[in-house]
């Protein structure tokens, strides 16, 4: 059995958002883009994941979500090695192939779910994020996107249509014995 505990952070499209280099200014080494419903049930968003840098293994991953107007609603950057399902010695050909496979499947429909079915038991939500989370929970059409890094961390992203803010949830997979 695997259970997950989460912590919250928020990111908005306002001026106080974290600044991240625009991945579109550089030709990516590897990329995946999808257009699908996420922040809006009428207009589709663009979700993209790009690897930039010297190589697939040593590069950085740029994860971006833009709404139908082309406005960014979520951005994050992390080392491509975090997409590997192991720690330790790097085997270049094998690990590059693993990262590419993860990127190819990054936006699989199985990683998108309705917030209403999310297990809230292990969520620890700071007071500063509670208002955003409540608006997302009250929206029966709200969707969250889930992806894993470092083989033991799950990240979930959801969008509040009312507040026009994105909330990012990170948690560790906790492996337990038993059913």
Protein backbone atom coordinates (compact mmCIF):
# COMPACT_ATOMS: atom_id res chain seq x y z
CA UNK A 1 0.00 0.00 0.00
CA UNK A 2 1.23 3.50 -0.73
CA UNK A 3 -0.13 6.53 1.04
CA UNK A 4 0.86 10.09 0.40
CA UNK A 5 1.17 13.17 2.57
CA UNK A 6 1.12 16.60 0.98
CA UNK A 7 2.18 20.17 1.58
CA UNK A 8 0.77 23.09 -0.36
CA UNK A 9 2.21 26.08 -2.14
CA UNK A 10 0.41 28.50 -4.40
CA UNK A 11 1.38 30.23 -7.58
CA UNK A 12 -0.60 32.89 -9.38
CA UNK A 13 -0.26 34.74 -12.63
CA UNK A 14 0.25 37.98 -10.74
CA UNK A 15 3.53 39.91 -10.58
CA UNK A 16 4.61 38.15 -7.39
CA UNK A 17 4.86 34.78 -9.16
CA UNK A 18 8.22 33.05 -9.13
CA UNK A 19 10.36 34.07 -12.09
CA UNK A 20 11.46 31.16 -14.24
CA UNK A 21 13.41 31.32 -17.47
CA UNK A 22 11.16 30.96 -20.49
CA UNK A 23 11.82 27.52 -21.95
CA UNK A 24 10.52 28.67 -25.33
CA UNK A 25 13.55 30.93 -25.87
CA UNK A 26 15.77 27.88 -26.40
CA UNK A 27 15.21 24.97 -28.75
CA UNK A 28 14.46 22.09 -26.37
CA UNK A 29 16.43 18.84 -26.48
CA UNK A 30 13.18 16.94 -25.96
CA UNK A 31 9.59 18.08 -25.63
CA UNK A 32 5.98 17.01 -25.18
CA UNK A 33 2.95 19.25 -25.58
CA UNK A 34 -0.74 18.55 -25.19
CA UNK A 35 -3.86 20.65 -25.49
CA UNK A 36 -6.60 19.65 -23.08
CA UNK A 37 -9.16 20.91 -20.60
CA UNK A 38 -7.58 21.83 -17.27
CA UNK A 39 -8.32 25.33 -15.95
CA UNK A 40 -11.48 25.85 -17.97
CA UNK A 41 -14.16 23.47 -19.20
CA UNK A 42 -14.94 25.57 -22.28
CA UNK A 43 -11.47 26.41 -23.60
CA UNK A 44 -8.46 24.12 -23.63
CA UNK A 45 -5.07 24.86 -22.09
CA UNK A 46 -1.61 24.03 -23.42
CA UNK A 47 0.57 21.89 -21.17
CA UNK A 48 4.20 21.49 -22.14
CA UNK A 49 7.29 19.82 -20.77
CA UNK A 50 10.67 20.67 -22.31
CA UNK A 51 14.20 19.54 -21.49
CA UNK A 52 16.88 22.18 -22.08
CA UNK A 53 20.60 22.02 -21.43
CA UNK A 54 23.73 20.15 -22.45
CA UNK A 55 22.08 16.72 -22.46
CA UNK A 56 18.80 15.02 -21.60
CA UNK A 57 20.26 13.66 -18.36
CA UNK A 58 21.98 16.85 -17.14
CA UNK A 59 19.36 19.25 -18.49
CA UNK A 60 16.52 21.06 -16.79
CA UNK A 61 12.84 20.28 -17.21
CA UNK A 62 10.50 23.22 -17.82
CA UNK A 63 6.87 22.41 -17.05
CA UNK A 64 4.45 25.08 -18.27
CA UNK A 65 0.69 25.41 -18.37
CA UNK A 66 -0.85 28.27 -20.33
CA UNK A 67 -4.53 29.04 -20.62
CA UNK A 68 -6.44 29.48 -23.86
CA UNK A 69 -5.43 33.16 -23.95
CA UNK A 70 -1.74 32.18 -23.90
CA UNK A 71 -1.32 33.44 -20.32
CA UNK A 72 0.87 31.34 -18.04
CA UNK A 73 -1.00 29.81 -15.12
CA UNK A 74 1.77 27.51 -13.88
CA UNK A 75 5.53 27.22 -14.35
CA UNK A 76 8.16 25.14 -12.64
CA UNK A 77 11.70 24.00 -13.36
CA UNK A 78 13.52 20.96 -12.01
CA UNK A 79 16.54 18.81 -12.96
CA UNK A 80 15.77 16.15 -15.57
CA UNK A 81 17.43 13.54 -13.35
CA UNK A 82 14.39 13.83 -11.05
CA UNK A 83 12.41 11.96 -13.71
CA UNK A 84 14.54 8.85 -13.15
CA UNK A 85 13.01 6.07 -11.10
CA UNK A 86 16.30 5.27 -9.38
CA UNK A 87 19.10 6.95 -7.50
CA UNK A 88 22.80 6.35 -7.82
CA UNK A 89 24.98 5.58 -10.80
CA UNK A 90 23.85 7.03 -14.12
CA UNK A 91 23.95 4.76 -17.14
CA UNK A 92 23.67 7.34 -19.95
CA UNK A 93 21.88 5.38 -22.69
CA UNK A 94 19.45 3.62 -20.34
CA UNK A 95 18.71 6.74 -18.27
CA UNK A 96 18.25 9.01 -21.29
CA UNK A 97 15.76 6.52 -22.67
CA UNK A 98 13.94 6.40 -19.32
CA UNK A 99 13.69 10.22 -19.17
CA UNK A 100 12.38 10.38 -22.74
CA UNK A 101 9.79 7.71 -21.96
CA UNK A 102 8.65 9.65 -18.86
CA UNK A 103 8.32 12.82 -20.95
CA UNK A 104 6.41 10.99 -23.69
CA UNK A 105 3.90 9.73 -21.10
CA UNK A 106 3.94 12.81 -18.85
CA UNK A 107 0.48 14.03 -19.85
CA UNK A 108 -1.20 10.64 -20.03
CA UNK A 109 -4.96 10.95 -19.35
CA UNK A 110 -4.51 8.75 -16.26
CA UNK A 111 -2.65 11.65 -14.58
CA UNK A 112 -5.70 13.95 -14.77
CA UNK A 113 -8.50 13.42 -12.25
CA UNK A 114 -11.40 15.28 -10.72
CA UNK A 115 -10.56 17.04 -7.48
CA UNK A 116 -13.79 15.69 -5.98
CA UNK A 117 -12.27 12.18 -5.92
CA UNK A 118 -8.93 13.26 -4.40
CA UNK A 119 -8.23 11.69 -1.01
CA UNK A 120 -7.96 14.61 1.41
CA UNK A 121 -7.05 12.55 4.48
CA UNK A 122 -3.33 13.22 4.27
CA UNK A 123 -3.49 16.83 3.11
CA UNK A 124 -1.95 19.43 5.36
CA UNK A 125 -3.12 22.77 4.05
CA UNK A 126 -1.73 26.02 5.44
CA UNK A 127 -4.26 28.70 6.35
CA UNK A 128 -2.88 30.94 3.57
CA UNK A 129 -3.92 28.37 0.94
CA UNK A 130 -7.20 27.24 2.47
CA UNK A 131 -9.38 29.75 0.58
CA UNK A 132 -7.93 28.66 -2.75
CA UNK A 133 -8.33 24.98 -1.89
CA UNK A 134 -11.96 25.45 -0.79
CA UNK A 135 -12.89 27.13 -4.10
CA UNK A 136 -11.28 24.27 -5.99
CA UNK A 137 -13.07 21.66 -3.86
CA UNK A 138 -16.43 23.38 -4.37
CA UNK A 139 -16.07 23.19 -8.16
CA UNK A 140 -17.36 19.81 -9.41
CA UNK A 141 -15.52 20.36 -12.71
CA UNK A 142 -12.11 21.04 -11.11
CA UNK A 143 -9.32 18.80 -12.34
CA UNK A 144 -5.93 18.09 -10.86
CA UNK A 145 -2.84 16.97 -12.75
CA UNK A 146 -0.48 14.58 -10.97
CA UNK A 147 3.15 13.69 -11.72
CA UNK A 148 5.96 12.06 -9.78
CA UNK A 149 9.62 13.00 -9.35
CA UNK A 150 12.52 11.33 -7.54
CA UNK A 151 10.57 8.05 -7.48
CA UNK A 152 9.07 9.04 -4.11
CA UNK A 153 7.46 12.45 -4.55
CA UNK A 154 4.05 13.15 -6.06
CA UNK A 155 3.13 16.63 -7.27
CA UNK A 156 -0.45 17.66 -7.97
CA UNK A 157 -1.56 20.86 -9.65
CA UNK A 158 -5.11 22.27 -9.54
CA UNK A 159 -6.63 25.57 -10.65
CA UNK A 160 -9.25 27.74 -8.97
CA UNK A 161 -11.48 29.21 -11.66
CA UNK A 162 -13.04 31.63 -9.18
CA UNK A 163 -9.77 33.04 -7.82
CA UNK A 164 -7.77 32.39 -11.00
CA UNK A 165 -4.95 30.87 -8.97
CA UNK A 166 -3.03 27.65 -9.26
CA UNK A 167 -2.25 25.52 -6.26
CA UNK A 168 0.62 23.04 -6.27
CA UNK A 169 0.64 20.15 -3.82
CA UNK A 170 3.79 18.14 -3.13
CA UNK A 171 3.97 15.03 -1.05
CA UNK A 172 6.08 11.99 -0.38
CA UNK A 173 4.88 8.51 -1.15
CA UNK A 174 4.95 6.58 2.09
CA UNK A 175 5.29 2.85 1.53
CA UNK A 176 3.68 0.72 4.19
CA UNK A 177 3.29 -3.01 4.62
CA UNK A 178 -0.16 -4.44 4.47
CA UNK A 179 -3.21 -4.44 2.23
